[in-house]
Amino acid sequence: KHIVIEPKHSSEYGNAIASFREKVADPSKKGAILFAVCRGKSSEGVDFSSRQCRAVFVAGIPYPNFGSLRVKLKRKLLDQYSSMSNMSGEQWYRYQ
């Protein structure tokens, strides 16, 4: 199967989707696979109908939101008391 990876830059997205759709529509090919990011460019507003989407596999990395207040406070607290807890805020975040 032809593999298409969602590009990092929005300016390249149109070409990537066009390549994906072209390979799916080509009867001499056995379809295509599109790798995309959850909450990325392909997550909303794109219609993958009929042969363009036969299955969806989702794999997520369960990191807490780095910018959330809860995470910031937890990291700060662990950094302040790291000698007592044996774990810094950075170490806690990496293990989440």
PDB file of N, CA and C in Angstrom:
ATOM      1  N   LYS A   1       0.851  -1.189   0.000  1.00  0.00           N
ATOM      2  CA  LYS A   1       0.000   0.000   0.000  1.00  0.00           C
ATOM      3  C   LYS A   1       0.889   1.241   0.000  1.00  0.00           C
ATOM      4  N   HIS A   2       0.363   2.261  -0.631  1.00  0.00           N
ATOM      5  CA  HIS A   2       1.045   3.555  -0.653  1.00  0.00           C
ATOM      6  C   HIS A   2       0.829   4.233   0.705  1.00  0.00           C
ATOM      7  N   ILE A   3       1.863   4.793   1.268  1.00  0.00           N
ATOM      8  CA  ILE A   3       1.766   5.436   2.586  1.00  0.00           C
ATOM      9  C   ILE A   3       1.865   6.948   2.427  1.00  0.00           C
ATOM     10  N   VAL A   4       0.907   7.641   3.041  1.00  0.00           N
ATOM     11  CA  VAL A   4       0.905   9.104   3.061  1.00  0.00           C
ATOM     12  C   VAL A   4       0.920   9.520   4.524  1.00  0.00           C
ATOM     13  N   ILE A   5       1.804  10.437   4.864  1.00  0.00           N
ATOM     14  CA  ILE A   5       1.909  10.925   6.244  1.00  0.00           C
ATOM     15  C   ILE A   5       1.446  12.375   6.277  1.00  0.00           C
ATOM     16  N   GLU A   6       0.553  12.676   7.204  1.00  0.00           N
ATOM     17  CA  GLU A   6       0.069  14.050   7.351  1.00  0.00           C
ATOM     18  C   GLU A   6       1.269  14.964   7.586  1.00  0.00           C
ATOM     19  N   PRO A   7       1.448  15.990   6.746  1.00  0.00           N
ATOM     20  CA  PRO A   7       2.613  16.866   6.904  1.00  0.00           C
ATOM     21  C   PRO A   7       2.483  17.794   8.112  1.00  0.00           C
ATOM     22  N   LYS A   8       3.604  18.263   8.585  1.00  0.00           N
ATOM     23  CA  LYS A   8       3.599  19.195   9.721  1.00  0.00           C
ATOM     24  C   LYS A   8       3.085  20.570   9.313  1.00  0.00           C
ATOM     25  N   HIS A   9       3.367  20.960   8.076  1.00  0.00           N
ATOM     26  CA  HIS A   9       3.004  22.303   7.617  1.00  0.00           C
ATOM     27  C   HIS A   9       1.702  22.268   6.822  1.00  0.00           C
ATOM     28  N   SER A  10       0.803  23.175   7.156  1.00  0.00           N
ATOM     29  CA  SER A  10      -0.501  23.240   6.493  1.00  0.00           C
ATOM     30  C   SER A  10      -0.385  23.461   4.995  1.00  0.00           C
ATOM     31  N   SER A  11       0.657  24.140   4.566  1.00  0.00           N
ATOM     32  CA  SER A  11       0.817  24.431   3.142  1.00  0.00           C
ATOM     33  C   SER A  11       1.027  23.156   2.320  1.00  0.00           C
ATOM     34  N   GLU A  12       1.461  22.078   2.954  1.00  0.00           N
ATOM     35  CA  GLU A  12       1.713  20.814   2.249  1.00  0.00           C
ATOM     36  C   GLU A  12       0.536  19.838   2.362  1.00  0.00           C
ATOM     37  N   TYR A  13      -0.466  20.183   3.154  1.00  0.00           N
ATOM     38  CA  TYR A  13      -1.570  19.266   3.430  1.00  0.00           C
ATOM     39  C   TYR A  13      -2.386  18.922   2.186  1.00  0.00           C
ATOM     40  N   GLY A  14      -2.696  19.909   1.375  1.00  0.00           N
ATOM     41  CA  GLY A  14      -3.497  19.686   0.172  1.00  0.00           C
ATOM     42  C   GLY A  14      -2.854  18.677  -0.764  1.00  0.00           C
ATOM     43  N   ASN A  15      -1.552  18.787  -0.954  1.00  0.00           N
ATOM     44  CA  ASN A  15      -0.838  17.842  -1.821  1.00  0.00           C
ATOM     45  C   ASN A  15      -0.843  16.430  -1.237  1.00  0.00           C
ATOM     46  N   ALA A  16      -0.718  16.321   0.068  1.00  0.00           N
ATOM     47  CA  ALA A  16      -0.706  15.005   0.714  1.00  0.00           C
ATOM     48  C   ALA A  16      -2.062  14.312   0.554  1.00  0.00           C
ATOM     49  N   ILE A  17      -3.146  15.051   0.778  1.00  0.00           N
ATOM     50  CA  ILE A  17      -4.486  14.473   0.644  1.00  0.00           C
ATOM     51  C   ILE A  17      -4.777  14.124  -0.814  1.00  0.00           C
ATOM     52  N   ALA A  18      -4.334  14.976  -1.732  1.00  0.00           N
ATOM     53  CA  ALA A  18      -4.525  14.683  -3.163  1.00  0.00           C
ATOM     54  C   ALA A  18      -3.788  13.403  -3.549  1.00  0.00           C
ATOM     55  N   SER A  19      -2.582  13.222  -3.033  1.00  0.00           N
ATOM     56  CA  SER A  19      -1.813  12.006  -3.304  1.00  0.00           C
ATOM     57  C   SER A  19      -2.521  10.781  -2.736  1.00  0.00           C
ATOM     58  N   PHE A  20      -3.040  10.908  -1.524  1.00  0.00           N
ATOM     59  CA  PHE A  20      -3.765   9.811  -0.894  1.00  0.00           C
ATOM     60  C   PHE A  20      -4.988   9.423  -1.723  1.00  0.00           C
ATOM     61  N   ARG A  21      -5.791  10.402  -2.087  1.00  0.00           N
ATOM     62  CA  ARG A  21      -7.019  10.133  -2.851  1.00  0.00           C
ATOM     63  C   ARG A  21      -6.713   9.563  -4.232  1.00  0.00           C
ATOM     64  N   GLU A  22      -5.635  10.029  -4.842  1.00  0.00           N
ATOM     65  CA  GLU A  22      -5.224   9.512  -6.159  1.00  0.00           C
ATOM     66  C   GLU A  22      -4.859   8.029  -6.076  1.00  0.00           C
ATOM     67  N   LYS A  23      -4.120   7.660  -5.043  1.00  0.00           N
ATOM     68  CA  LYS A  23      -3.710   6.255  -4.880  1.00  0.00           C
ATOM     69  C   LYS A  23      -4.902   5.363  -4.545  1.00  0.00           C
ATOM     70  N   VAL A  24      -5.845   5.871  -3.760  1.00  0.00           N
ATOM     71  CA  VAL A  24      -7.038   5.089  -3.415  1.00  0.00           C
ATOM     72  C   VAL A  24      -7.892   4.845  -4.657  1.00  0.00           C
ATOM     73  N   ALA A  25      -8.001   5.854  -5.515  1.00  0.00           N
ATOM     74  CA  ALA A  25      -8.846   5.748  -6.706  1.00  0.00           C
ATOM     75  C   ALA A  25      -8.200   4.931  -7.828  1.00  0.00           C
ATOM     76  N   ASP A  26      -6.894   4.745  -7.788  1.00  0.00           N
ATOM     77  CA  ASP A  26      -6.182   4.028  -8.852  1.00  0.00           C
ATOM     78  C   ASP A  26      -6.441   2.523  -8.743  1.00  0.00           C
ATOM     79  N   PRO A  27      -7.120   1.929  -9.734  1.00  0.00           N
ATOM     80  CA  PRO A  27      -7.448   0.497  -9.651  1.00  0.00           C
ATOM     81  C   PRO A  27      -6.227  -0.422  -9.708  1.00  0.00           C
ATOM     82  N   SER A  28      -5.099   0.095 -10.204  1.00  0.00           N
ATOM     83  CA  SER A  28      -3.893  -0.741 -10.267  1.00  0.00           C
ATOM     84  C   SER A  28      -3.185  -0.821  -8.914  1.00  0.00           C
ATOM     85  N   LYS A  29      -3.569   0.032  -7.986  1.00  0.00           N
ATOM     86  CA  LYS A  29      -2.975   0.035  -6.639  1.00  0.00           C
ATOM     87  C   LYS A  29      -3.884  -0.726  -5.683  1.00  0.00           C
ATOM     88  N   LYS A  30      -3.344  -1.080  -4.562  1.00  0.00           N
ATOM     89  CA  LYS A  30      -4.139  -1.770  -3.538  1.00  0.00           C
ATOM     90  C   LYS A  30      -4.524  -0.806  -2.416  1.00  0.00           C
ATOM     91  N   GLY A  31      -4.809   0.423  -2.787  1.00  0.00           N
ATOM     92  CA  GLY A  31      -5.220   1.406  -1.795  1.00  0.00           C
ATOM     93  C   GLY A  31      -4.056   2.190  -1.238  1.00  0.00           C
ATOM     94  N   ALA A  32      -4.311   2.859  -0.140  1.00  0.00           N
ATOM     95  CA  ALA A  32      -3.303   3.693   0.503  1.00  0.00           C
ATOM     96  C   ALA A  32      -3.588   3.757   1.993  1.00  0.00           C
ATOM     97  N   ILE A  33      -2.578   4.151   2.710  1.00  0.00           N
ATOM     98  CA  ILE A  33      -2.698   4.320   4.165  1.00  0.00           C
ATOM     99  C   ILE A  33      -2.344   5.764   4.482  1.00  0.00           C
ATOM    100  N   LEU A  34      -3.187   6.416   5.280  1.00  0.00           N
ATOM    101  CA  LEU A  34      -2.930   7.789   5.698  1.00  0.00           C
ATOM    102  C   LEU A  34      -2.644   7.789   7.192  1.00  0.00           C
ATOM    103  N   PHE A  35      -1.451   8.232   7.556  1.00  0.00           N
ATOM    104  CA  PHE A  35      -1.101   8.400   8.963  1.00  0.00           C
ATOM    105  C   PHE A  35      -1.327   9.860   9.314  1.00  0.00           C
ATOM    106  N   ALA A  36      -2.158  10.100  10.327  1.00  0.00           N
ATOM    107  CA  ALA A  36      -2.481  11.464  10.736  1.00  0.00           C
ATOM    108  C   ALA A  36      -2.477  11.554  12.254  1.00  0.00           C
ATOM    109  N   VAL A  37      -2.457  12.768  12.744  1.00  0.00           N
ATOM    110  CA  VAL A  37      -2.385  13.029  14.177  1.00  0.00           C
ATOM    111  C   VAL A  37      -3.773  13.371  14.705  1.00  0.00           C
ATOM    112  N   CYS A  38      -4.141  12.784  15.842  1.00  0.00           N
ATOM    113  CA  CYS A  38      -5.402  13.160  16.480  1.00  0.00           C
ATOM    114  C   CYS A  38      -5.354  14.650  16.789  1.00  0.00           C
ATOM    115  N   ARG A  39      -6.432  15.323  16.520  1.00  0.00           N
ATOM    116  CA  ARG A  39      -6.542  16.775  16.675  1.00  0.00           C
ATOM    117  C   ARG A  39      -5.654  17.517  15.684  1.00  0.00           C
ATOM    118  N   GLY A  40      -5.217  16.820  14.648  1.00  0.00           N
ATOM    119  CA  GLY A  40      -4.391  17.436  13.614  1.00  0.00           C
ATOM    120  C   GLY A  40      -5.247  17.934  12.474  1.00  0.00           C
ATOM    121  N   LYS A  41      -4.622  18.123  11.335  1.00  0.00           N
ATOM    122  CA  LYS A  41      -5.301  18.683  10.171  1.00  0.00           C
ATOM    123  C   LYS A  41      -6.394  17.767   9.613  1.00  0.00           C
ATOM    124  N   SER A  42      -6.244  16.462   9.767  1.00  0.00           N
ATOM    125  CA  SER A  42      -7.213  15.511   9.204  1.00  0.00           C
ATOM    126  C   SER A  42      -8.347  15.158  10.152  1.00  0.00           C
ATOM    127  N   SER A  43      -8.360  15.732  11.333  1.00  0.00           N
ATOM    128  CA  SER A  43      -9.332  15.300  12.330  1.00  0.00           C
ATOM    129  C   SER A  43     -10.719  15.901  12.142  1.00  0.00           C
ATOM    130  N   GLU A  44     -10.829  17.060  11.522  1.00  0.00           N
ATOM    131  CA  GLU A  44     -12.137  17.689  11.358  1.00  0.00           C
ATOM    132  C   GLU A  44     -12.265  18.296   9.971  1.00  0.00           C
ATOM    133  N   GLY A  45     -13.464  18.190   9.419  1.00  0.00           N
ATOM    134  CA  GLY A  45     -13.771  18.880   8.185  1.00  0.00           C
ATOM    135  C   GLY A  45     -13.333  18.188   6.910  1.00  0.00           C
ATOM    136  N   VAL A  46     -12.806  16.987   7.000  1.00  0.00           N
ATOM    137  CA  VAL A  46     -12.394  16.245   5.809  1.00  0.00           C
ATOM    138  C   VAL A  46     -13.280  15.019   5.700  1.00  0.00           C
ATOM    139  N   ASP A  47     -13.842  14.807   4.526  1.00  0.00           N
ATOM    140  CA  ASP A  47     -14.740  13.678   4.314  1.00  0.00           C
ATOM    141  C   ASP A  47     -13.986  12.538   3.637  1.00  0.00           C
ATOM    142  N   PHE A  48     -13.791  11.466   4.367  1.00  0.00           N
ATOM    143  CA  PHE A  48     -13.174  10.262   3.821  1.00  0.00           C
ATOM    144  C   PHE A  48     -14.303   9.254   3.615  1.00  0.00           C
ATOM    145  N   SER A  49     -14.868   9.245   2.413  1.00  0.00           N
ATOM    146  CA  SER A  49     -16.026   8.387   2.163  1.00  0.00           C
ATOM    147  C   SER A  49     -15.653   7.158   1.349  1.00  0.00           C
ATOM    148  N   SER A  50     -16.497   6.171   1.416  1.00  0.00           N
ATOM    149  CA  SER A  50     -16.415   4.948   0.618  1.00  0.00           C
ATOM    150  C   SER A  50     -15.045   4.279   0.734  1.00  0.00           C
ATOM    151  N   ARG A  51     -14.332   4.160  -0.363  1.00  0.00           N
ATOM    152  CA  ARG A  51     -13.047   3.459  -0.375  1.00  0.00           C
ATOM    153  C   ARG A  51     -11.944   4.231   0.350  1.00  0.00           C
ATOM    154  N   GLN A  52     -12.160   5.506   0.622  1.00  0.00           N
ATOM    155  CA  GLN A  52     -11.112   6.318   1.243  1.00  0.00           C
ATOM    156  C   GLN A  52     -10.927   6.020   2.723  1.00  0.00           C
ATOM    157  N   CYS A  53     -11.906   5.367   3.328  1.00  0.00           N
ATOM    158  CA  CYS A  53     -11.765   5.055   4.749  1.00  0.00           C
ATOM    159  C   CYS A  53     -12.478   3.746   5.055  1.00  0.00           C
ATOM    160  N   ARG A  54     -11.723   2.682   5.153  1.00  0.00           N
ATOM    161  CA  ARG A  54     -12.277   1.373   5.486  1.00  0.00           C
ATOM    162  C   ARG A  54     -12.053   1.014   6.952  1.00  0.00           C
ATOM    163  N   ALA A  55     -11.082   1.647   7.569  1.00  0.00           N
ATOM    164  CA  ALA A  55     -10.800   1.372   8.982  1.00  0.00           C
ATOM    165  C   ALA A  55     -10.061   2.565   9.583  1.00  0.00           C
ATOM    166  N   VAL A  56     -10.192   2.706  10.889  1.00  0.00           N
ATOM    167  CA  VAL A  56      -9.485   3.751  11.617  1.00  0.00           C
ATOM    168  C   VAL A  56      -8.810   3.105  12.815  1.00  0.00           C
ATOM    169  N   PHE A  57      -7.539   3.346  12.963  1.00  0.00           N
ATOM    170  CA  PHE A  57      -6.783   2.875  14.117  1.00  0.00           C
ATOM    171  C   PHE A  57      -6.271   4.104  14.840  1.00  0.00           C
ATOM    172  N   VAL A  58      -6.512   4.169  16.137  1.00  0.00           N
ATOM    173  CA  VAL A  58      -6.093   5.324  16.920  1.00  0.00           C
ATOM    174  C   VAL A  58      -5.118   4.864  17.992  1.00  0.00           C
ATOM    175  N   ALA A  59      -3.997   5.527  18.032  1.00  0.00           N
ATOM    176  CA  ALA A  59      -3.010   5.283  19.088  1.00  0.00           C
ATOM    177  C   ALA A  59      -2.680   6.630  19.708  1.00  0.00           C
ATOM    178  N   GLY A  60      -2.787   6.723  21.005  1.00  0.00           N
ATOM    179  CA  GLY A  60      -2.532   7.989  21.668  1.00  0.00           C
ATOM    180  C   GLY A  60      -1.387   7.896  22.654  1.00  0.00           C
ATOM    181  N   ILE A  61      -0.704   8.997  22.812  1.00  0.00           N
ATOM    182  CA  ILE A  61       0.344   9.093  23.823  1.00  0.00           C
ATOM    183  C   ILE A  61      -0.280   9.822  25.008  1.00  0.00           C
ATOM    184  N   PRO A  62      -0.372   9.182  26.136  1.00  0.00           N
ATOM    185  CA  PRO A  62      -1.157   9.720  27.247  1.00  0.00           C
ATOM    186  C   PRO A  62      -0.449  10.765  28.104  1.00  0.00           C
ATOM    187  N   TYR A  63       0.175  11.725  27.472  1.00  0.00           N
ATOM    188  CA  TYR A  63       0.800  12.788  28.259  1.00  0.00           C
ATOM    189  C   TYR A  63      -0.256  13.784  28.709  1.00  0.00           C
ATOM    190  N   PRO A  64      -0.189  14.222  29.969  1.00  0.00           N
ATOM    191  CA  PRO A  64      -1.082  15.296  30.401  1.00  0.00           C
ATOM    192  C   PRO A  64      -0.708  16.585  29.659  1.00  0.00           C
ATOM    193  N   ASN A  65      -1.653  17.486  29.517  1.00  0.00           N
ATOM    194  CA  ASN A  65      -1.403  18.750  28.830  1.00  0.00           C
ATOM    195  C   ASN A  65      -0.337  19.540  29.580  1.00  0.00           C
ATOM    196  N   PHE A  66       0.793  19.765  28.913  1.00  0.00           N
ATOM    197  CA  PHE A  66       1.946  20.427  29.533  1.00  0.00           C
ATOM    198  C   PHE A  66       1.609  21.823  30.040  1.00  0.00           C
ATOM    199  N   GLY A  67       0.687  22.512  29.363  1.00  0.00           N
ATOM    200  CA  GLY A  67       0.364  23.888  29.736  1.00  0.00           C
ATOM    201  C   GLY A  67      -0.758  24.032  30.739  1.00  0.00           C
ATOM    202  N   SER A  68      -1.364  22.923  31.179  1.00  0.00           N
ATOM    203  CA  SER A  68      -2.488  23.052  32.110  1.00  0.00           C
ATOM    204  C   SER A  68      -2.005  23.487  33.494  1.00  0.00           C
ATOM    205  N   LEU A  69      -2.847  24.192  34.200  1.00  0.00           N
ATOM    206  CA  LEU A  69      -2.510  24.687  35.532  1.00  0.00           C
ATOM    207  C   LEU A  69      -2.193  23.533  36.474  1.00  0.00           C
ATOM    208  N   ARG A  70      -2.960  22.470  36.393  1.00  0.00           N
ATOM    209  CA  ARG A  70      -2.745  21.300  37.260  1.00  0.00           C
ATOM    210  C   ARG A  70      -1.336  20.736  37.083  1.00  0.00           C
ATOM    211  N   VAL A  71      -0.909  20.591  35.836  1.00  0.00           N
ATOM    212  CA  VAL A  71       0.423  20.033  35.553  1.00  0.00           C
ATOM    213  C   VAL A  71       1.514  20.995  36.017  1.00  0.00           C
ATOM    214  N   LYS A  72       1.337  22.276  35.754  1.00  0.00           N
ATOM    215  CA  LYS A  72       2.335  23.269  36.177  1.00  0.00           C
ATOM    216  C   LYS A  72       2.513  23.261  37.691  1.00  0.00           C
ATOM    217  N   LEU A  73       1.380  23.233  38.420  1.00  0.00           N
ATOM    218  CA  LEU A  73       1.456  23.242  39.883  1.00  0.00           C
ATOM    219  C   LEU A  73       2.078  21.957  40.426  1.00  0.00           C
ATOM    220  N   LYS A  74       1.717  20.826  39.849  1.00  0.00           N
ATOM    221  CA  LYS A  74       2.275  19.545  40.291  1.00  0.00           C
ATOM    222  C   LYS A  74       3.786  19.518  40.072  1.00  0.00           C
ATOM    223  N   ARG A  75       4.230  19.974  38.912  1.00  0.00           N
ATOM    224  CA  ARG A  75       5.664  19.993  38.619  1.00  0.00           C
ATOM    225  C   ARG A  75       6.405  20.933  39.570  1.00  0.00           C
ATOM    226  N   LYS A  76       5.814  22.096  39.816  1.00  0.00           N
ATOM    227  CA  LYS A  76       6.437  23.068  40.717  1.00  0.00           C
ATOM    228  C   LYS A  76       6.546  22.499  42.129  1.00  0.00           C
ATOM    229  N   LEU A  77       5.485  21.874  42.610  1.00  0.00           N
ATOM    230  CA  LEU A  77       5.481  21.278  43.944  1.00  0.00           C
ATOM    231  C   LEU A  77       6.541  20.183  44.058  1.00  0.00           C
ATOM    232  N   LEU A  78       6.594  19.306  43.062  1.00  0.00           N
ATOM    233  CA  LEU A  78       7.591  18.235  43.099  1.00  0.00           C
ATOM    234  C   LEU A  78       9.007  18.776  43.022  1.00  0.00           C
ATOM    235  N   ASP A  79       9.204  19.841  42.259  1.00  0.00           N
ATOM    236  CA  ASP A  79      10.534  20.451  42.200  1.00  0.00           C
ATOM    237  C   ASP A  79      10.934  21.037  43.548  1.00  0.00           C
ATOM    238  N   GLN A  80       9.982  21.631  44.261  1.00  0.00           N
ATOM    239  CA  GLN A  80      10.267  22.219  45.574  1.00  0.00           C
ATOM    240  C   GLN A  80      10.601  21.158  46.619  1.00  0.00           C
ATOM    241  N   TYR A  81       9.929  20.009  46.520  1.00  0.00           N
ATOM    242  CA  TYR A  81      10.105  18.958  47.520  1.00  0.00           C
ATOM    243  C   TYR A  81      10.769  17.716  46.949  1.00  0.00           C
ATOM    244  N   SER A  82      11.561  17.871  45.910  1.00  0.00           N
ATOM    245  CA  SER A  82      12.159  16.697  45.251  1.00  0.00           C
ATOM    246  C   SER A  82      13.095  15.928  46.171  1.00  0.00           C
ATOM    247  N   SER A  83      13.705  16.605  47.144  1.00  0.00           N
ATOM    248  CA  SER A  83      14.588  15.882  48.067  1.00  0.00           C
ATOM    249  C   SER A  83      13.793  14.930  48.951  1.00  0.00           C
ATOM    250  N   MET A  84      12.535  15.264  49.217  1.00  0.00           N
ATOM    251  CA  MET A  84      11.697  14.401  50.046  1.00  0.00           C
ATOM    252  C   MET A  84      10.991  13.328  49.225  1.00  0.00           C
ATOM    253  N   SER A  85      10.640  13.633  47.963  1.00  0.00           N
ATOM    254  CA  SER A  85       9.874  12.690  47.162  1.00  0.00           C
ATOM    255  C   SER A  85      10.745  11.866  46.214  1.00  0.00           C
ATOM    256  N   ASN A  86      12.015  12.218  46.095  1.00  0.00           N
ATOM    257  CA  ASN A  86      12.935  11.527  45.183  1.00  0.00           C
ATOM    258  C   ASN A  86      12.495  11.591  43.734  1.00  0.00           C
ATOM    259  N   MET A  87      11.657  12.562  43.399  1.00  0.00           N
ATOM    260  CA  MET A  87      11.224  12.713  42.016  1.00  0.00           C
ATOM    261  C   MET A  87      11.009  14.196  41.720  1.00  0.00           C
ATOM    262  N   SER A  88      11.622  14.668  40.651  1.00  0.00           N
ATOM    263  CA  SER A  88      11.428  16.061  40.246  1.00  0.00           C
ATOM    264  C   SER A  88      10.153  16.172  39.412  1.00  0.00           C
ATOM    265  N   GLY A  89       9.748  17.390  39.172  1.00  0.00           N
ATOM    266  CA  GLY A  89       8.579  17.619  38.332  1.00  0.00           C
ATOM    267  C   GLY A  89       8.782  17.100  36.922  1.00  0.00           C
ATOM    268  N   GLU A  90       9.978  17.248  36.395  1.00  0.00           N
ATOM    269  CA  GLU A  90      10.285  16.749  35.049  1.00  0.00           C
ATOM    270  C   GLU A  90      10.211  15.226  34.999  1.00  0.00           C
ATOM    271  N   GLN A  91      10.741  14.576  36.015  1.00  0.00           N
ATOM    272  CA  GLN A  91      10.680  13.101  36.060  1.00  0.00           C
ATOM    273  C   GLN A  91       9.237  12.621  36.140  1.00  0.00           C
ATOM    274  N   TRP A  92       8.430  13.288  36.955  1.00  0.00           N
ATOM    275  CA  TRP A  92       7.015  12.902  37.064  1.00  0.00           C
ATOM    276  C   TRP A  92       6.328  13.013  35.716  1.00  0.00           C
ATOM    277  N   TYR A  93       6.577  14.126  35.010  1.00  0.00           N
ATOM    278  CA  TYR A  93       5.923  14.350  33.729  1.00  0.00           C
ATOM    279  C   TYR A  93       6.342  13.275  32.714  1.00  0.00           C
ATOM    280  N   ARG A  94       7.607  12.903  32.706  1.00  0.00           N
ATOM    281  CA  ARG A  94       8.080  11.885  31.758  1.00  0.00           C
ATOM    282  C   ARG A  94       7.458  10.530  32.037  1.00  0.00           C
ATOM    283  N   TYR A  95       7.128  10.243  33.293  1.00  0.00           N
ATOM    284  CA  TYR A  95       6.559   8.931  33.646  1.00  0.00           C
ATOM    285  C   TYR A  95       5.048   8.866  33.461  1.00  0.00           C
ATOM    286  N   GLN A  96       4.431   9.992  33.165  1.00  0.00           N
ATOM    287  CA  GLN A  96       2.971  10.007  32.987  1.00  0.00           C
ATOM    288  C   GLN A  96       2.565   9.333  31.720  1.00  0.00           C
TER     289      GLN A  96
END
